[in-house]
Amino acid sequence: MYNRGESHDESNRQIEFMLPEPIKDFVFDLYQSTRRSLQIEEVQQIYDSRFRELTDKYFSSSAWPEPAAIAPECNFDEVFLLLYREMTLRHVFTKLKPQLVDYIASWINFSKLFGFLMKDAAGSATEIALSVQWGYDIVQEFVYQFQGFCQYRCQVSTRSGDDLEMLQANRDVWSLSSVLNILHDMIRVSKITEHQSSRAKTLSIGNTAPTVPNTAIGILGYFCLIDLARLECLLGDYTASLQAIAPIRLWDRTETFALIPACHVNLFYHTGLCLMMSRRYSDAIEIFSDVILHISRLLKPAAGRQGVSNLMQKMMDKALALVGICACLCPGYRVDDHVMELVEMKYEEKMRRLQAGDIAVFESMFELACPKFICPAVPDYGLLVNLGQDAYRLQVASFIAETQYQLSLLRLRSYLRLYTSINLEKLARFNDTTVPELISQLMSFKHKTMQIQCSLLSSSDLTATRVSTSDVQFHIIDKILYVDSAGSERERGRVAERVFISGIRKHVEVREDVVRVFARYGL
């Protein structure tokens, strides 16, 4: 029988003696629930509550004890020490100022931890109990630290000579290929894609299905899907990001991501940005609108969520800015009235300038709302040049180039809305162009307003059909352009359908909130 007070030598006894008793109790209890009793409910209570409380009380401005100091409390369990090390390093990156040695130590620890989990998913992984929140924190921190390290090593001119020498000697630390390999391997080993596919089929026939496998590898594999999509978004590969997130049913509130507000909001924010940068403005509007309404409910005093206000308010401001941009670039698509009211309250003056086609405001709002894009390439440490902003500038330039072209077509749309029919030569004079050039612009208008759009009722959220999102449909016969009123009627029908379905979804969420409140008070 393991004696929690036992230590191997005098130095360990001295270190143990210096630890506050609540810290010893925390480590011992977390070890017992994680590696012995394997009770996820106990892990959830200890990790989600006591870790934060002890951090605020004992380590608000200092690091947690090293693994060697607490090793006697966990019987020197190697796997638990890896988990403990990940927690304590995460505290350093969140609350303190991490140094280069912290990045390297964290990379080594993550590599060992994920390596253990993947070594024998059917055996070793079942001997670890992780809560959903803890699993999300591990994977989210893994990608967050990679993002931070990419920005750190690109600031070559601000690094000391010793740091540059250490970076040169550790060029393989936090490499893009290694990070992607870990995420893809975790997804493959956990078989989470197959699980999600099976779950979707079960739900489609009206049966209930479990959210994620009740194992550490299953929980981590699920969040690896989400953070792989986030990473691809930060790299600017929006197609790969949407492909990564395809197994997740975004509109299904029984999905595991819905249990964690930060995960829910980050998932929808990065998915919406990918759709927007892929010129799928209508889908982006739906995604951003959903997360805006969700955050507005979380921020209500009666929502019962603590500690989420600052993060949620920042993300809401970003989502409001992006949905305002999408609404101006896709004016034929109807935005939820409440969402549009929030946008105009927050950015009233800027919205007027956006609608007037002020490209400088488009740029400033996108810079305000976009994420911190990363450049994953290892820089030449011999050249004292900072490359940290290159990826960010490239994405801003790409957005502005597409926006300028979209704005040139909106002027053409304004003329089409005034007529039921018009001679092409007359329309060409209005646009200061020739008839052949006008026809090219009209074809481009048709092309740009044909967007991939998913159905709100689809079981596969991001597999969709190509439809017109314009409120102006037209055809040309004998050099006369006719505006198609029947097409406008069809568009109004689609708008009514979207409003109806969106209302159903919002009412379901309100009902779930009411049920949770009543359950909290035992009613």
Protein backbone atom coordinates (compact mmCIF):
# COMPACT_ATOMS: atom_id res chain seq x y z
CA MET A 1 0.00 0.00 0.00
CA TYR A 2 1.39 3.38 -1.00
CA ASN A 3 2.21 5.74 1.90
CA ARG A 4 1.72 9.31 0.66
CA GLY A 5 4.25 10.72 3.16
CA GLU A 6 7.08 8.35 2.11
CA SER A 7 10.15 9.90 0.39
CA HIS A 8 13.27 8.37 -1.06
CA ASP A 9 15.98 10.46 0.60
CA GLU A 10 16.67 13.33 2.95
CA SER A 11 16.51 16.00 0.20
CA ASN A 12 13.03 14.86 -0.82
CA ARG A 13 11.89 14.96 2.82
CA GLN A 14 13.22 18.52 3.11
CA ILE A 15 11.44 19.66 -0.09
CA GLU A 16 8.23 17.95 1.02
CA PHE A 17 8.41 19.64 4.40
CA MET A 18 8.56 23.07 2.74
CA LEU A 19 5.36 22.51 0.76
CA PRO A 20 2.13 23.92 2.22
CA GLU A 21 -0.19 21.17 3.38
CA PRO A 22 -3.02 22.19 0.98
CA ILE A 23 -0.62 21.73 -1.95
CA LYS A 24 0.29 18.25 -0.77
CA ASP A 25 -3.37 17.38 -0.37
CA PHE A 26 -4.19 18.75 -3.83
CA VAL A 27 -1.44 16.76 -5.57
CA PHE A 28 -2.27 13.58 -3.67
CA ASP A 29 -6.02 13.85 -4.33
CA LEU A 30 -5.52 14.68 -8.01
CA TYR A 31 -3.14 11.74 -8.40
CA GLN A 32 -5.56 9.35 -6.73
CA SER A 33 -8.50 10.40 -8.93
CA THR A 34 -6.43 10.60 -12.13
CA ARG A 35 -4.34 7.44 -11.88
CA ARG A 36 -5.92 5.24 -9.18
CA SER A 37 -9.69 5.56 -8.81
CA LEU A 38 -10.11 6.95 -12.37
CA GLN A 39 -13.19 8.94 -11.33
CA ILE A 40 -13.71 11.74 -13.86
CA GLU A 41 -16.21 13.49 -11.56
CA GLU A 42 -13.55 13.72 -8.85
CA VAL A 43 -10.96 14.92 -11.36
CA GLN A 44 -13.34 17.59 -12.55
CA GLN A 45 -13.98 18.90 -9.05
CA ILE A 46 -10.29 18.88 -8.03
CA TYR A 47 -8.86 20.28 -11.26
CA ASP A 48 -11.57 22.75 -12.23
CA SER A 49 -11.93 24.34 -8.80
CA ARG A 50 -9.06 23.64 -6.41
CA PHE A 51 -6.23 24.23 -8.89
CA ARG A 52 -7.47 27.77 -9.59
CA GLU A 53 -8.07 28.48 -5.90
CA LEU A 54 -4.61 27.31 -4.83
CA THR A 55 -2.97 29.23 -7.65
CA ASP A 56 -4.62 32.46 -6.58
CA LYS A 57 -3.73 31.86 -2.93
CA TYR A 58 -0.12 30.63 -3.13
CA PHE A 59 1.27 31.22 -6.64
CA SER A 60 -0.36 34.37 -8.02
CA SER A 61 3.07 35.86 -8.81
CA SER A 62 5.36 32.84 -8.71
CA ALA A 63 5.71 29.42 -10.29
CA TRP A 64 4.30 26.21 -8.88
CA PRO A 65 6.83 23.79 -7.28
CA GLU A 66 8.94 21.68 -9.62
CA PRO A 67 7.81 18.06 -10.22
CA ALA A 68 10.66 16.76 -8.02
CA ALA A 69 9.17 18.64 -5.07
CA ILE A 70 5.79 16.94 -5.27
CA ALA A 71 6.93 13.54 -6.61
CA PRO A 72 6.55 11.77 -3.23
CA GLU A 73 2.87 12.77 -3.16
CA CYS A 74 2.20 10.81 -6.37
CA ASN A 75 4.47 7.85 -5.74
CA PHE A 76 6.89 9.24 -8.36
CA ASP A 77 4.37 8.37 -11.10
CA GLU A 78 6.00 9.41 -14.39
CA VAL A 79 2.79 10.01 -16.30
CA PHE A 80 1.19 12.06 -13.53
CA LEU A 81 4.37 14.14 -13.25
CA LEU A 82 4.08 14.92 -16.97
CA LEU A 83 0.50 16.10 -16.44
CA TYR A 84 1.54 18.11 -13.36
CA ARG A 85 4.44 19.67 -15.31
CA GLU A 86 2.06 20.69 -18.09
CA MET A 87 -0.23 22.40 -15.56
CA THR A 88 2.59 24.29 -13.87
CA LEU A 89 4.19 25.42 -17.13
CA ARG A 90 0.79 26.58 -18.35
CA HIS A 91 0.61 28.73 -15.22
CA VAL A 92 3.99 30.27 -16.15
CA PHE A 93 2.80 31.11 -19.67
CA THR A 94 -0.54 32.46 -18.45
CA LYS A 95 0.38 34.44 -15.33
CA LEU A 96 4.15 35.06 -15.52
CA LYS A 97 6.70 36.02 -18.16
CA PRO A 98 7.99 32.88 -19.90
CA GLN A 99 11.63 32.64 -20.93
CA LEU A 100 13.20 30.66 -23.75
CA VAL A 101 14.08 27.81 -21.39
CA ASP A 102 10.37 27.57 -20.49
CA TYR A 103 9.41 27.15 -24.16
CA ILE A 104 12.01 24.40 -24.58
CA ALA A 105 11.02 22.64 -21.35
CA SER A 106 7.35 22.78 -22.30
CA TRP A 107 8.05 21.32 -25.75
CA ILE A 108 9.97 18.41 -24.22
CA ASN A 109 7.17 17.79 -21.72
CA PHE A 110 4.41 17.92 -24.35
CA SER A 111 6.37 15.54 -26.60
CA LYS A 112 6.73 13.02 -23.77
CA LEU A 113 3.10 13.35 -22.69
CA PHE A 114 1.58 12.94 -26.15
CA GLY A 115 4.12 10.22 -26.94
CA PHE A 116 2.97 8.21 -23.95
CA LEU A 117 -0.70 8.61 -24.84
CA MET A 118 -0.13 7.50 -28.42
CA LYS A 119 2.23 4.65 -27.58
CA ASP A 120 -0.54 2.39 -26.43
CA ALA A 121 -3.93 4.04 -26.82
CA ALA A 122 -5.79 0.85 -25.99
CA GLY A 123 -3.78 0.20 -22.82
CA SER A 124 -2.04 3.13 -21.17
CA ALA A 125 -4.60 5.75 -22.13
CA THR A 126 -7.36 3.95 -20.26
CA GLU A 127 -5.33 4.30 -17.05
CA ILE A 128 -5.68 8.10 -17.02
CA ALA A 129 -8.85 9.97 -16.12
CA LEU A 130 -9.09 13.53 -17.48
CA SER A 131 -11.99 15.93 -17.24
CA VAL A 132 -13.26 17.60 -20.39
CA GLN A 133 -11.98 20.98 -19.19
CA TRP A 134 -8.50 19.60 -18.46
CA GLY A 135 -8.32 17.90 -21.86
CA TYR A 136 -9.28 21.14 -23.59
CA ASP A 137 -6.73 23.12 -21.57
CA ILE A 138 -3.90 20.75 -22.53
CA VAL A 139 -4.54 20.85 -26.29
CA GLN A 140 -5.42 24.55 -26.38
CA GLU A 141 -2.21 25.39 -24.49
CA PHE A 142 -0.17 23.23 -26.87
CA VAL A 143 -1.26 25.25 -29.90
CA TYR A 144 -1.14 28.55 -27.97
CA GLN A 145 2.49 27.97 -26.95
CA PHE A 146 3.43 27.08 -30.53
CA GLN A 147 1.85 30.35 -31.65
CA GLY A 148 3.74 32.25 -28.95
CA PHE A 149 7.06 30.58 -29.77
CA CYS A 150 6.71 31.40 -33.48
CA GLN A 151 6.26 35.06 -32.57
CA TYR A 152 9.12 34.87 -30.04
CA ARG A 153 11.73 33.44 -32.39
CA CYS A 154 10.80 35.79 -35.25
CA GLN A 155 11.74 38.83 -33.13
CA VAL A 156 15.41 38.28 -33.89
CA SER A 157 16.61 41.86 -33.33
CA THR A 158 15.28 41.93 -29.75
CA ARG A 159 16.88 38.65 -28.66
CA SER A 160 20.14 38.48 -26.72
CA GLY A 161 23.21 36.70 -28.05
CA ASP A 162 22.71 33.80 -25.63
CA ASP A 163 19.08 33.42 -26.71
CA LEU A 164 20.03 33.41 -30.41
CA GLU A 165 22.67 30.79 -29.72
CA MET A 166 20.15 28.63 -27.86
CA LEU A 167 17.55 29.08 -30.61
CA GLN A 168 20.11 28.04 -33.22
CA ALA A 169 20.97 24.94 -31.21
CA ASN A 170 17.29 24.02 -30.82
CA ARG A 171 15.96 24.64 -34.34
CA ASP A 172 13.75 21.54 -34.18
CA VAL A 173 11.95 22.69 -31.03
CA TRP A 174 8.34 23.66 -31.78
CA SER A 175 8.78 23.04 -35.52
CA LEU A 176 5.61 23.20 -37.61
CA SER A 177 5.99 19.66 -38.93
CA SER A 178 6.38 18.24 -35.42
CA VAL A 179 3.35 20.11 -34.07
CA LEU A 180 1.15 19.07 -37.00
CA ASN A 181 2.35 15.47 -36.72
CA ILE A 182 1.36 15.34 -33.05
CA LEU A 183 -2.10 16.76 -33.73
CA HIS A 184 -2.74 14.46 -36.70
CA ASP A 185 -1.39 11.42 -34.84
CA MET A 186 -3.60 12.13 -31.82
CA ILE A 187 -6.63 12.38 -34.11
CA ARG A 188 -5.69 9.15 -35.86
CA VAL A 189 -4.90 7.15 -32.73
CA SER A 190 -7.99 8.35 -30.87
CA LYS A 191 -10.20 7.40 -33.86
CA ILE A 192 -12.25 10.48 -33.09
CA THR A 193 -13.15 11.05 -36.75
CA GLU A 194 -14.71 7.59 -36.98
CA HIS A 195 -16.49 8.21 -33.67
CA GLN A 196 -17.95 11.50 -34.92
CA SER A 197 -19.10 9.88 -38.15
CA SER A 198 -20.79 7.04 -36.28
CA ARG A 199 -22.40 9.52 -33.88
CA ALA A 200 -23.79 11.59 -36.76
CA LYS A 201 -25.38 8.49 -38.30
CA THR A 202 -26.92 7.51 -34.97
CA LEU A 203 -28.37 10.98 -34.41
CA SER A 204 -29.71 11.13 -37.96
CA ILE A 205 -32.10 8.25 -37.26
CA GLY A 206 -33.34 9.84 -34.04
CA ASN A 207 -31.33 7.85 -31.49
CA THR A 208 -29.12 9.28 -28.74
CA ALA A 209 -25.34 8.97 -28.99
CA PRO A 210 -22.42 9.62 -26.60
CA THR A 211 -20.48 12.85 -27.13
CA VAL A 212 -16.83 11.72 -26.99
CA PRO A 213 -15.23 8.45 -25.85
CA ASN A 214 -14.86 8.46 -22.07
CA THR A 215 -11.07 8.09 -22.23
CA ALA A 216 -8.15 10.52 -22.06
CA ILE A 217 -7.13 9.78 -25.66
CA GLY A 218 -10.71 10.29 -26.86
CA ILE A 219 -11.10 13.63 -25.09
CA LEU A 220 -7.73 14.89 -26.29
CA GLY A 221 -8.37 13.64 -29.84
CA TYR A 222 -11.63 15.58 -29.98
CA PHE A 223 -9.97 18.84 -28.98
CA CYS A 224 -7.06 18.12 -31.34
CA LEU A 225 -9.61 18.33 -34.17
CA ILE A 226 -10.72 21.76 -32.98
CA ASP A 227 -7.24 23.14 -32.34
CA LEU A 228 -5.88 21.72 -35.60
CA ALA A 229 -8.54 23.82 -37.33
CA ARG A 230 -7.51 26.85 -35.26
CA LEU A 231 -3.85 26.31 -36.13
CA GLU A 232 -4.57 26.00 -39.86
CA CYS A 233 -6.55 29.25 -39.63
CA LEU A 234 -3.61 31.02 -37.97
CA LEU A 235 -1.35 29.71 -40.75
CA GLY A 236 -3.72 31.12 -43.39
CA ASP A 237 -4.77 27.73 -44.82
CA TYR A 238 -8.51 28.27 -44.56
CA THR A 239 -9.50 25.27 -46.67
CA ALA A 240 -7.49 22.91 -44.46
CA SER A 241 -9.03 24.51 -41.37
CA LEU A 242 -12.59 23.88 -42.61
CA GLN A 243 -11.67 20.32 -43.57
CA ALA A 244 -10.29 19.70 -40.08
CA ILE A 245 -13.48 20.91 -38.42
CA ALA A 246 -15.84 19.03 -40.75
CA PRO A 247 -16.46 16.10 -38.33
CA ILE A 248 -17.78 18.53 -35.69
CA ARG A 249 -21.53 19.26 -35.84
CA LEU A 250 -21.47 23.00 -35.23
CA TRP A 251 -25.22 23.41 -34.70
CA ASP A 252 -25.49 20.44 -32.34
CA ARG A 253 -25.48 21.78 -28.77
CA THR A 254 -24.90 18.28 -27.38
CA GLU A 255 -21.39 18.38 -28.85
CA THR A 256 -18.63 18.47 -26.23
CA PHE A 257 -17.35 21.91 -27.27
CA ALA A 258 -20.63 23.42 -25.99
CA LEU A 259 -19.65 22.46 -22.42
CA ILE A 260 -16.73 24.93 -22.42
CA PRO A 261 -17.62 28.56 -23.27
CA ALA A 262 -14.08 29.49 -24.36
CA CYS A 263 -13.88 26.48 -26.70
CA HIS A 264 -17.33 27.20 -28.15
CA VAL A 265 -16.53 30.84 -28.86
CA ASN A 266 -13.04 30.19 -30.27
CA LEU A 267 -14.36 27.42 -32.52
CA PHE A 268 -17.06 29.61 -34.03
CA TYR A 269 -14.80 32.67 -34.30
CA HIS A 270 -12.06 30.87 -36.25
CA THR A 271 -14.57 28.95 -38.37
CA GLY A 272 -16.36 32.20 -39.24
CA LEU A 273 -13.07 33.85 -40.17
CA CYS A 274 -12.15 30.92 -42.44
CA LEU A 275 -15.53 31.16 -44.19
CA MET A 276 -15.16 34.91 -44.59
CA MET A 277 -11.64 34.64 -46.06
CA SER A 278 -12.94 31.89 -48.37
CA ARG A 279 -15.54 34.38 -49.71
CA ARG A 280 -18.41 32.46 -48.08
CA TYR A 281 -19.88 35.60 -46.54
CA SER A 282 -23.39 34.25 -45.98
CA ASP A 283 -22.13 31.25 -44.00
CA ALA A 284 -19.74 33.50 -42.09
CA ILE A 285 -22.64 35.78 -41.14
CA GLU A 286 -24.58 32.79 -39.76
CA ILE A 287 -21.60 31.56 -37.74
CA PHE A 288 -20.74 35.00 -36.33
CA SER A 289 -24.40 35.75 -35.60
CA ASP A 290 -24.77 32.51 -33.68
CA VAL A 291 -21.72 33.14 -31.51
CA ILE A 292 -22.72 36.78 -30.90
CA LEU A 293 -26.15 35.70 -29.63
CA HIS A 294 -24.52 32.96 -27.56
CA ILE A 295 -22.08 35.40 -25.92
CA SER A 296 -24.84 37.93 -25.26
CA ARG A 297 -26.66 35.22 -23.29
CA LEU A 298 -23.50 34.27 -21.39
CA LEU A 299 -22.88 37.87 -20.37
CA LYS A 300 -26.31 38.20 -18.79
CA PRO A 301 -26.12 38.21 -14.96
CA ALA A 302 -28.61 35.33 -14.73
CA ALA A 303 -26.48 33.07 -16.95
CA GLY A 304 -24.51 31.79 -13.96
CA ARG A 305 -21.15 31.80 -15.76
CA GLN A 306 -18.23 33.20 -13.76
CA GLY A 307 -14.83 34.33 -15.01
CA VAL A 308 -15.75 34.56 -18.68
CA SER A 309 -16.78 38.21 -19.02
CA ASN A 310 -13.50 39.79 -20.20
CA LEU A 311 -12.66 37.10 -22.75
CA MET A 312 -16.21 36.93 -24.02
CA GLN A 313 -16.54 40.68 -24.41
CA LYS A 314 -13.32 40.85 -26.47
CA MET A 315 -14.46 38.00 -28.70
CA MET A 316 -17.89 39.56 -29.08
CA ASP A 317 -16.35 42.87 -30.21
CA LYS A 318 -14.29 40.99 -32.81
CA ALA A 319 -17.29 38.99 -34.04
CA LEU A 320 -19.40 42.17 -34.30
CA ALA A 321 -16.71 43.84 -36.42
CA LEU A 322 -16.40 40.83 -38.74
CA VAL A 323 -20.16 40.37 -39.18
CA GLY A 324 -20.39 44.10 -40.00
CA ILE A 325 -17.76 43.64 -42.71
CA CYS A 326 -19.51 40.56 -44.12
CA ALA A 327 -22.88 42.33 -44.14
CA CYS A 328 -21.40 45.16 -46.24
CA LEU A 329 -19.68 42.76 -48.65
CA CYS A 330 -22.82 40.62 -48.99
CA PRO A 331 -25.65 43.20 -48.77
CA GLY A 332 -28.23 40.85 -50.26
CA TYR A 333 -28.06 38.51 -47.27
CA ARG A 334 -30.34 39.31 -44.34
CA VAL A 335 -28.61 39.53 -40.95
CA ASP A 336 -30.48 38.74 -37.72
CA ASP A 337 -32.16 41.95 -36.50
CA HIS A 338 -30.77 41.69 -32.96
CA VAL A 339 -27.25 41.04 -34.25
CA MET A 340 -27.44 44.01 -36.62
CA GLU A 341 -28.66 46.19 -33.78
CA LEU A 342 -25.63 45.19 -31.68
CA VAL A 343 -23.29 45.88 -34.61
CA GLU A 344 -24.71 49.36 -35.16
CA MET A 345 -24.59 50.16 -31.43
CA LYS A 346 -20.90 49.22 -31.26
CA TYR A 347 -19.70 50.54 -34.63
CA GLU A 348 -22.33 53.06 -35.71
CA GLU A 349 -19.98 55.56 -37.39
CA LYS A 350 -17.75 52.89 -38.88
CA MET A 351 -20.73 51.04 -40.34
CA ARG A 352 -21.78 54.16 -42.22
CA ARG A 353 -18.29 54.47 -43.66
CA LEU A 354 -18.20 50.77 -44.53
CA GLN A 355 -21.47 51.08 -46.43
CA ALA A 356 -20.00 54.08 -48.27
CA GLY A 357 -17.10 51.88 -49.43
CA ASP A 358 -14.31 53.43 -47.32
CA ILE A 359 -11.48 50.92 -47.81
CA ALA A 360 -9.45 52.38 -44.93
CA VAL A 361 -12.24 51.50 -42.48
CA PHE A 362 -12.45 47.97 -43.89
CA GLU A 363 -8.73 47.62 -43.23
CA SER A 364 -8.82 49.06 -39.71
CA MET A 365 -11.79 46.91 -38.65
CA PHE A 366 -10.21 43.75 -40.05
CA GLU A 367 -6.94 44.53 -38.25
CA LEU A 368 -8.94 45.02 -35.05
CA ALA A 369 -10.84 41.74 -35.35
CA CYS A 370 -8.45 39.28 -37.02
CA PRO A 371 -6.34 36.79 -35.00
CA LYS A 372 -2.57 36.92 -34.59
CA PHE A 373 -1.49 35.10 -37.72
CA ILE A 374 1.81 33.27 -37.40
CA CYS A 375 4.84 32.67 -39.58
CA PRO A 376 5.99 29.09 -38.81
CA ALA A 377 9.28 29.27 -40.74
CA VAL A 378 12.49 29.25 -38.69
CA PRO A 379 14.21 32.61 -39.36
CA ASP A 380 17.85 33.19 -40.21
CA TYR A 381 19.26 34.11 -36.81
CA GLY A 382 22.27 35.70 -38.48
CA LEU A 383 20.06 38.47 -39.91
CA LEU A 384 18.76 40.83 -37.25
CA VAL A 385 15.40 41.29 -38.97
CA ASN A 386 12.02 40.83 -37.30
CA LEU A 387 9.63 38.72 -39.40
CA GLY A 388 6.83 38.40 -36.85
CA GLN A 389 4.42 40.71 -38.69
CA ASP A 390 4.94 39.30 -42.19
CA ALA A 391 2.16 36.69 -41.97
CA TYR A 392 -0.23 39.26 -40.49
CA ARG A 393 0.52 41.82 -43.24
CA LEU A 394 0.08 39.16 -45.93
CA GLN A 395 -3.40 38.20 -44.69
CA VAL A 396 -4.47 41.84 -44.34
CA ALA A 397 -3.25 42.55 -47.89
CA SER A 398 -5.13 39.51 -49.20
CA PHE A 399 -8.34 40.65 -47.49
CA ILE A 400 -8.01 44.22 -48.81
CA ALA A 401 -7.37 43.05 -52.39
CA GLU A 402 -10.55 40.95 -52.38
CA THR A 403 -12.53 43.71 -50.66
CA GLN A 404 -11.55 46.30 -53.25
CA TYR A 405 -12.80 44.04 -56.01
CA GLN A 406 -16.04 43.33 -54.16
CA LEU A 407 -16.66 47.06 -53.66
CA SER A 408 -16.23 47.70 -57.38
CA LEU A 409 -19.11 45.28 -58.02
CA LEU A 410 -21.38 46.82 -55.39
CA ARG A 411 -21.62 50.01 -57.45
CA LEU A 412 -22.90 47.92 -60.36
CA ARG A 413 -25.44 46.30 -58.02
CA SER A 414 -26.76 49.72 -56.97
CA TYR A 415 -27.65 50.50 -60.60
CA LEU A 416 -29.28 47.10 -61.16
CA ARG A 417 -31.60 47.65 -58.20
CA LEU A 418 -33.02 50.79 -59.88
CA TYR A 419 -34.25 49.13 -63.07
CA THR A 420 -36.37 46.26 -64.26
CA SER A 421 -34.64 46.50 -67.64
CA ILE A 422 -31.87 48.68 -69.09
CA ASN A 423 -29.86 48.92 -72.30
CA LEU A 424 -26.30 47.68 -71.91
CA GLU A 425 -24.85 50.78 -73.59
CA LYS A 426 -26.66 53.03 -71.11
CA LEU A 427 -25.50 50.94 -68.16
CA ALA A 428 -21.95 51.00 -69.52
CA ARG A 429 -22.03 54.84 -69.64
CA PHE A 430 -23.18 54.92 -66.01
CA ASN A 431 -20.14 52.83 -65.06
CA ASP A 432 -17.67 54.74 -67.30
CA THR A 433 -16.78 51.63 -69.26
CA THR A 434 -17.35 49.86 -72.58
CA VAL A 435 -20.05 47.26 -73.29
CA PRO A 436 -17.55 44.34 -73.53
CA GLU A 437 -15.98 45.41 -70.25
CA LEU A 438 -19.43 45.78 -68.69
CA ILE A 439 -20.36 42.24 -69.72
CA SER A 440 -17.16 41.00 -68.07
CA GLN A 441 -18.12 42.86 -64.90
CA LEU A 442 -21.62 41.39 -64.99
CA MET A 443 -20.19 37.88 -65.35
CA SER A 444 -17.81 38.59 -62.48
CA PHE A 445 -20.76 39.84 -60.41
CA LYS A 446 -22.57 36.55 -61.07
CA HIS A 447 -19.46 34.60 -60.12
CA LYS A 448 -18.70 36.54 -56.94
CA THR A 449 -22.26 36.32 -55.64
CA MET A 450 -22.41 32.55 -56.22
CA GLN A 451 -21.20 31.32 -52.86
CA ILE A 452 -20.97 27.94 -51.21
CA GLN A 453 -23.69 27.86 -48.58
CA CYS A 454 -24.56 25.24 -46.00
CA SER A 455 -28.01 24.41 -44.72
CA LEU A 456 -28.74 25.15 -41.07
CA LEU A 457 -30.42 21.76 -40.85
CA SER A 458 -27.55 19.86 -42.46
CA SER A 459 -25.94 17.10 -40.44
CA SER A 460 -22.64 17.93 -42.11
CA ASP A 461 -22.34 21.63 -41.49
CA LEU A 462 -19.60 22.59 -43.89
CA THR A 463 -20.49 20.46 -46.91
CA ALA A 464 -22.79 22.64 -48.94
CA THR A 465 -24.21 23.69 -52.27
CA ARG A 466 -23.40 26.71 -54.41
CA VAL A 467 -26.21 29.30 -54.47
CA SER A 468 -26.58 32.96 -55.33
CA THR A 469 -26.49 35.28 -52.31
CA SER A 470 -27.40 38.36 -54.33
CA ASP A 471 -30.76 40.06 -54.01
CA VAL A 472 -30.49 41.04 -57.70
CA GLN A 473 -30.92 38.38 -60.41
CA PHE A 474 -30.67 39.31 -64.09
CA HIS A 475 -30.31 37.98 -67.64
CA ILE A 476 -29.42 39.57 -71.00
CA ILE A 477 -31.40 39.31 -74.24
CA ASP A 478 -30.44 41.30 -77.36
CA LYS A 479 -28.26 43.81 -75.49
CA ILE A 480 -31.02 44.48 -72.95
CA LEU A 481 -30.45 43.55 -69.32
CA TYR A 482 -33.59 42.33 -67.52
CA VAL A 483 -33.79 42.12 -63.74
CA ASP A 484 -35.38 38.81 -62.77
CA SER A 485 -38.21 39.49 -60.31
CA ALA A 486 -38.88 35.74 -59.96
CA GLY A 487 -35.31 35.33 -58.69
CA SER A 488 -35.93 38.03 -56.11
CA GLU A 489 -39.07 36.20 -54.96
CA ARG A 490 -37.05 33.01 -54.52
CA GLU A 491 -34.48 34.92 -52.50
CA ARG A 492 -37.21 36.31 -50.23
CA GLY A 493 -38.41 32.74 -49.72
CA ARG A 494 -34.91 31.65 -48.70
CA VAL A 495 -34.69 34.61 -46.30
CA ALA A 496 -37.97 33.60 -44.66
CA GLU A 497 -36.72 30.03 -44.35
CA ARG A 498 -33.46 31.16 -42.70
CA VAL A 499 -35.33 33.43 -40.25
CA PHE A 500 -37.72 30.59 -39.33
CA ILE A 501 -34.96 28.03 -38.80
CA SER A 502 -32.78 30.50 -36.91
CA GLY A 503 -35.71 31.29 -34.62
CA ILE A 504 -36.24 27.60 -33.89
CA ARG A 505 -32.58 27.16 -33.00
CA LYS A 506 -32.56 30.18 -30.68
CA HIS A 507 -35.74 29.03 -28.93
CA VAL A 508 -34.22 25.58 -28.35
CA GLU A 509 -31.20 27.19 -26.71
CA VAL A 510 -33.39 29.40 -24.52
CA ARG A 511 -35.36 26.33 -23.44
CA GLU A 512 -32.11 24.52 -22.56
CA ASP A 513 -30.98 27.53 -20.49
CA VAL A 514 -34.29 27.55 -18.61
CA VAL A 515 -34.02 23.81 -17.92
CA ARG A 516 -30.47 24.26 -16.57
CA VAL A 517 -31.55 27.11 -14.27
CA PHE A 518 -34.46 25.08 -12.90
CA ALA A 519 -32.21 22.04 -12.42
CA ARG A 520 -29.68 24.15 -10.52
CA TYR A 521 -32.33 25.04 -7.94
CA GLY A 522 -33.86 21.56 -7.89
CA LEU A 523 -37.10 22.62 -9.56
